Amino acid sequence: MHPTMHRRLWNLAAFVTVSLGVACGSATSPFDLFQPVVTSATDTFQLKASNYTNISASKSWAWQNTGTRAAVTETMNEADGNAHITIRDASGAVVYSGDFTNTLSDSTTAGVAGSWSVQLTLTHFSGGFDFRAQKL
C-alpha cells in the first residue's frame, strides 16, 4: 500500500474512533442540560424550574420526612405538555401521585416516616413550575 494511502486510512480510523468516543461520551439527559433548583431539607422539599422546552425525562430525589404526611403545593406558569410527581414514603409505598395543574394545594396519604422519594416525570414539557412538599 502506498504510504500516503496508509496515512489517510490511519487518519480516517483515528477520526472515526474519536468521533464515536465523543458521541458516546456526550450523551446527556435533559436534566443534565436543564437543572431544576432543588432544596431537600428535613421536612421540606422544593423543586423549581423554568424555561424548559419540550423535555421528556424522569428523575428522583431523596427527601427526609420525619412525619407521616406532607402538604403538597404547586404552581405552573405558561406550560405545555405533562409534568407528573410521585412521592413514595420510606417503605416505598406511593403516598401521592398527580399531574401538575396551574395551582394545587393537596396532601399525601399517611405513610412511613423516614427517607421519602420525590420523582418528577416530564413528557414533552415546556414551561416552568414550583413544587413543594412539607411535613404536616
Protein backbone atom coordinates (compact mmCIF):
# COMPACT_ATOMS: atom_id res chain seq x y z
CA MET A 1 0.00 0.00 0.00
CA HIS A 2 1.25 3.46 -0.85
CA PRO A 3 2.45 5.45 2.24
CA THR A 4 0.02 8.32 1.51
CA MET A 5 -2.94 5.94 1.30
CA HIS A 6 -1.85 4.21 4.50
CA ARG A 7 -1.64 7.57 6.31
CA ARG A 8 -5.12 8.59 5.05
CA LEU A 9 -6.63 5.32 6.28
CA TRP A 10 -4.89 5.76 9.61
CA ASN A 11 -6.21 9.35 9.92
CA LEU A 12 -9.73 8.20 8.98
CA ALA A 13 -9.62 5.42 11.57
CA ALA A 14 -8.43 7.87 14.23
CA PHE A 15 -11.17 10.36 13.28
CA VAL A 16 -13.91 7.71 13.48
CA THR A 17 -12.62 6.47 16.84
CA VAL A 18 -12.52 9.97 18.33
CA SER A 19 -15.93 10.84 16.85
CA LEU A 20 -17.53 7.72 18.29
CA GLY A 21 -15.93 8.37 21.67
CA VAL A 22 -17.22 11.94 21.74
CA ALA A 23 -20.70 10.92 20.61
CA CYS A 24 -20.96 8.14 23.19
CA GLY A 25 -19.42 10.20 25.97
CA SER A 26 -21.60 13.22 25.36
CA ALA A 27 -24.96 11.51 25.85
CA THR A 28 -26.77 13.56 28.46
CA SER A 29 -30.28 13.52 29.79
CA PRO A 30 -32.45 16.62 29.54
CA PHE A 31 -32.00 17.08 33.28
CA ASP A 32 -28.25 17.41 32.74
CA LEU A 33 -28.96 20.33 30.43
CA PHE A 34 -31.83 21.97 32.33
CA GLN A 35 -31.18 21.53 36.04
CA PRO A 36 -34.12 22.38 38.29
CA VAL A 37 -33.37 24.12 41.58
CA VAL A 38 -33.87 21.52 44.31
CA THR A 39 -33.97 22.19 48.03
CA SER A 40 -34.20 18.99 50.04
CA ALA A 41 -34.05 19.69 53.77
CA THR A 42 -35.53 17.64 56.59
CA ASP A 43 -39.32 18.01 56.43
CA THR A 44 -39.29 20.38 53.41
CA PHE A 45 -38.69 19.58 49.73
CA GLN A 46 -38.88 22.21 46.97
CA LEU A 47 -38.39 21.91 43.23
CA LYS A 48 -38.32 24.93 40.91
CA ALA A 49 -37.76 25.03 37.19
CA SER A 50 -38.25 27.50 34.37
CA ASN A 51 -37.70 27.75 30.66
CA TYR A 52 -37.95 24.05 29.86
CA THR A 53 -38.56 23.41 26.17
CA ASN A 54 -40.08 20.09 25.06
CA ILE A 55 -38.38 18.00 27.77
CA SER A 56 -39.22 14.31 28.26
CA ALA A 57 -37.34 12.81 31.21
CA SER A 58 -37.70 11.43 34.71
CA LYS A 59 -35.63 11.98 37.85
CA SER A 60 -35.95 11.16 41.56
CA TRP A 61 -34.63 12.83 44.70
CA ALA A 62 -34.42 11.63 48.31
CA TRP A 63 -36.17 13.65 50.99
CA GLN A 64 -36.23 13.17 54.78
CA ASN A 65 -39.71 13.49 56.21
CA THR A 66 -39.95 12.94 59.99
CA GLY A 67 -43.75 12.94 59.71
CA THR A 68 -46.20 10.51 58.19
CA ARG A 69 -47.91 13.01 55.85
CA ALA A 70 -46.97 16.05 53.80
CA ALA A 71 -48.69 19.09 52.36
CA VAL A 72 -48.20 19.36 48.59
CA THR A 73 -48.40 22.68 46.73
CA GLU A 74 -47.56 23.54 43.16
CA THR A 75 -47.76 26.39 40.71
CA MET A 76 -47.17 26.11 36.97
CA ASN A 77 -46.53 29.05 34.68
CA GLU A 78 -47.35 29.02 30.98
CA ALA A 79 -46.73 25.33 30.50
CA ASP A 80 -47.45 22.79 27.76
CA GLY A 81 -47.06 19.03 27.95
CA ASN A 82 -47.23 16.99 31.13
CA ALA A 83 -45.45 17.18 34.48
CA HIS A 84 -46.15 14.41 36.99
CA ILE A 85 -44.99 14.00 40.60
CA THR A 86 -44.91 10.71 42.50
CA ILE A 87 -44.00 10.69 46.20
CA ARG A 88 -43.08 7.46 47.97
CA ASP A 89 -42.70 7.01 51.71
CA ALA A 90 -39.81 5.27 53.50
CA SER A 91 -41.34 1.83 52.77
CA GLY A 92 -41.62 2.60 49.05
CA ALA A 93 -45.41 2.96 49.06
CA VAL A 94 -46.90 5.68 46.84
CA VAL A 95 -48.41 8.35 49.10
CA TYR A 96 -49.01 10.93 46.37
CA SER A 97 -49.25 10.82 42.59
CA GLY A 98 -50.56 13.57 40.38
CA ASP A 99 -50.17 15.73 37.30
CA PHE A 100 -49.31 19.37 37.73
CA THR A 101 -52.13 21.82 37.19
CA ASN A 102 -52.00 25.62 37.26
CA THR A 103 -52.27 25.77 41.06
CA LEU A 104 -52.72 22.93 43.53
CA SER A 105 -52.84 22.57 47.28
CA ASP A 106 -53.23 18.96 48.49
CA SER A 107 -51.72 16.44 50.88
CA THR A 108 -50.26 12.96 50.77
CA THR A 109 -51.89 9.93 52.31
CA ALA A 110 -50.36 8.60 55.55
CA GLY A 111 -47.06 6.82 55.13
CA VAL A 112 -43.93 5.70 56.95
CA ALA A 113 -41.62 8.45 58.23
CA GLY A 114 -38.00 8.45 57.08
CA SER A 115 -36.35 8.71 53.68
CA TRP A 116 -39.06 9.55 51.16
CA SER A 117 -38.52 9.93 47.42
CA VAL A 118 -39.91 12.52 45.05
CA GLN A 119 -40.00 11.57 41.37
CA LEU A 120 -40.64 14.12 38.62
CA THR A 121 -41.63 12.86 35.18
CA LEU A 122 -41.84 15.33 32.30
CA THR A 123 -43.41 14.43 28.95
CA HIS A 124 -42.98 16.93 26.11
CA PHE A 125 -42.98 19.60 28.80
CA SER A 126 -42.35 23.26 28.08
CA GLY A 127 -42.59 25.99 30.70
CA GLY A 128 -41.87 26.22 34.40
CA PHE A 129 -43.18 25.22 37.81
CA ASP A 130 -42.70 25.50 41.56
CA PHE A 131 -43.41 22.36 43.61
CA ARG A 132 -43.22 22.00 47.39
CA ALA A 133 -43.82 19.15 49.85
CA GLN A 134 -43.72 19.89 53.56
CA LYS A 135 -44.29 17.76 56.66
CA LEU A 136 -47.82 18.01 58.08
